[in-house]
Amino acid sequence: MQTPQLFDESVVLITGGTSGIGKATAEILAAAGARVVITGRRADKGNAVVDAIVANGGQAAFIQADHALLADCERIVETTLANFGSVDILFNNAGI
């Protein structure tokens, strides 16, 4: 029997998750069992973070967005809800 992890199946949305503190938080929470959604402007960086998390057995997705635009912020939430069903933890990390 596998031991449940602290964040099993929790959906964590991390704005600005493509580098620095956001990236590190995404990696740690994914390793603890969370399903992680990261956002940022640079798709190459976002996809690299997702690829690393998935390679380590985690679940992650990237949504490209500009957090200074209300429409992008709304799309982030709508997309996360459509794909994962909830947002259990929101880490507003993006610096704008």
Protein backbone atom coordinates (compact mmCIF):
# COMPACT_ATOMS: atom_id res chain seq x y z
CA MET A 1 0.00 0.00 0.00
CA GLN A 2 1.34 3.39 -1.01
CA THR A 3 1.49 6.08 1.67
CA PRO A 4 -0.59 9.16 0.79
CA GLN A 5 1.39 12.31 0.25
CA LEU A 6 0.65 15.61 1.94
CA PHE A 7 -0.88 17.27 -1.12
CA ASP A 8 -2.35 14.18 -2.86
CA GLU A 9 -4.65 15.31 -5.65
CA SER A 10 -4.72 18.95 -4.51
CA VAL A 11 -4.73 21.37 -7.43
CA VAL A 12 -2.20 24.15 -6.94
CA LEU A 13 -2.21 27.17 -9.24
CA ILE A 14 1.08 29.08 -9.19
CA THR A 15 1.32 32.36 -11.08
CA GLY A 16 4.86 33.12 -12.19
CA GLY A 17 5.85 29.48 -11.91
CA THR A 18 8.44 29.41 -14.68
CA SER A 19 11.48 30.42 -12.62
CA GLY A 20 12.79 31.28 -9.18
CA ILE A 21 10.50 30.86 -6.18
CA GLY A 22 7.50 29.88 -8.32
CA LYS A 23 9.41 27.13 -10.10
CA ALA A 24 10.87 25.78 -6.86
CA THR A 25 7.44 25.80 -5.22
CA ALA A 26 5.91 23.96 -8.18
CA GLU A 27 8.59 21.28 -8.03
CA ILE A 28 8.27 20.80 -4.26
CA LEU A 29 4.46 20.65 -4.27
CA ALA A 30 4.39 18.28 -7.24
CA ALA A 31 6.83 15.99 -5.42
CA ALA A 32 4.41 16.10 -2.45
CA GLY A 33 1.56 14.85 -4.67
CA ALA A 34 -0.09 18.05 -5.87
CA ARG A 35 -1.36 18.55 -9.40
CA VAL A 36 0.41 21.77 -10.33
CA VAL A 37 -0.65 24.42 -12.83
CA ILE A 38 1.96 27.09 -13.51
CA THR A 39 1.58 30.30 -15.48
CA GLY A 40 3.94 32.76 -17.09
CA ARG A 41 4.70 34.62 -20.28
CA ARG A 42 7.46 32.38 -21.65
CA ALA A 43 6.22 29.09 -23.03
CA ASP A 44 9.73 27.64 -23.37
CA LYS A 45 10.41 28.10 -19.65
CA GLY A 46 6.93 26.97 -18.61
CA ASN A 47 7.06 23.83 -20.71
CA ALA A 48 10.54 23.02 -19.37
CA VAL A 49 9.27 23.20 -15.78
CA VAL A 50 6.29 20.97 -16.64
CA ASP A 51 8.54 18.48 -18.45
CA ALA A 52 10.86 18.25 -15.43
CA ILE A 53 7.94 17.70 -13.03
CA VAL A 54 6.40 15.02 -15.25
CA ALA A 55 9.80 13.32 -15.69
CA ASN A 56 9.96 13.05 -11.89
CA GLY A 57 6.53 11.39 -11.77
CA GLY A 58 4.46 14.50 -10.98
CA GLN A 59 1.45 16.05 -12.68
CA ALA A 60 1.74 19.55 -14.11
CA ALA A 61 0.41 21.88 -16.77
CA PHE A 62 1.48 25.26 -18.12
CA ILE A 63 -0.79 28.12 -19.17
CA GLN A 64 0.88 30.96 -21.05
CA ALA A 65 -0.46 34.29 -19.82
CA ASP A 66 0.30 37.93 -19.09
CA HIS A 67 -0.85 38.58 -15.52
CA ALA A 68 -1.25 42.27 -16.22
CA LEU A 69 -4.24 41.45 -18.45
CA LEU A 70 -7.56 40.72 -16.75
CA ALA A 71 -8.69 38.50 -19.63
CA ASP A 72 -5.60 36.31 -19.21
CA CYS A 73 -6.18 36.02 -15.47
CA GLU A 74 -9.77 34.94 -16.07
CA ARG A 75 -8.62 32.44 -18.71
CA ILE A 76 -6.09 30.93 -16.28
CA VAL A 77 -8.80 30.19 -13.73
CA GLU A 78 -11.30 28.97 -16.32
CA THR A 79 -8.74 26.66 -17.94
CA THR A 80 -7.60 25.27 -14.59
CA LEU A 81 -11.18 24.59 -13.52
CA ALA A 82 -12.03 22.98 -16.86
CA ASN A 83 -9.00 20.68 -16.78
CA PHE A 84 -8.65 19.93 -13.07
CA GLY A 85 -12.06 20.70 -11.55
CA SER A 86 -10.86 22.96 -8.74
CA VAL A 87 -8.23 25.31 -7.41
CA ASP A 88 -7.36 24.16 -3.90
CA ILE A 89 -4.30 26.36 -3.40
CA LEU A 90 -3.48 29.61 -5.16
CA PHE A 91 0.06 30.98 -4.95
CA ASN A 92 0.11 34.52 -6.38
CA ASN A 93 3.80 34.66 -7.15
CA ALA A 94 3.93 36.62 -10.42
CA GLY A 95 5.65 39.94 -10.19
CA ILE A 96 4.11 42.64 -12.35
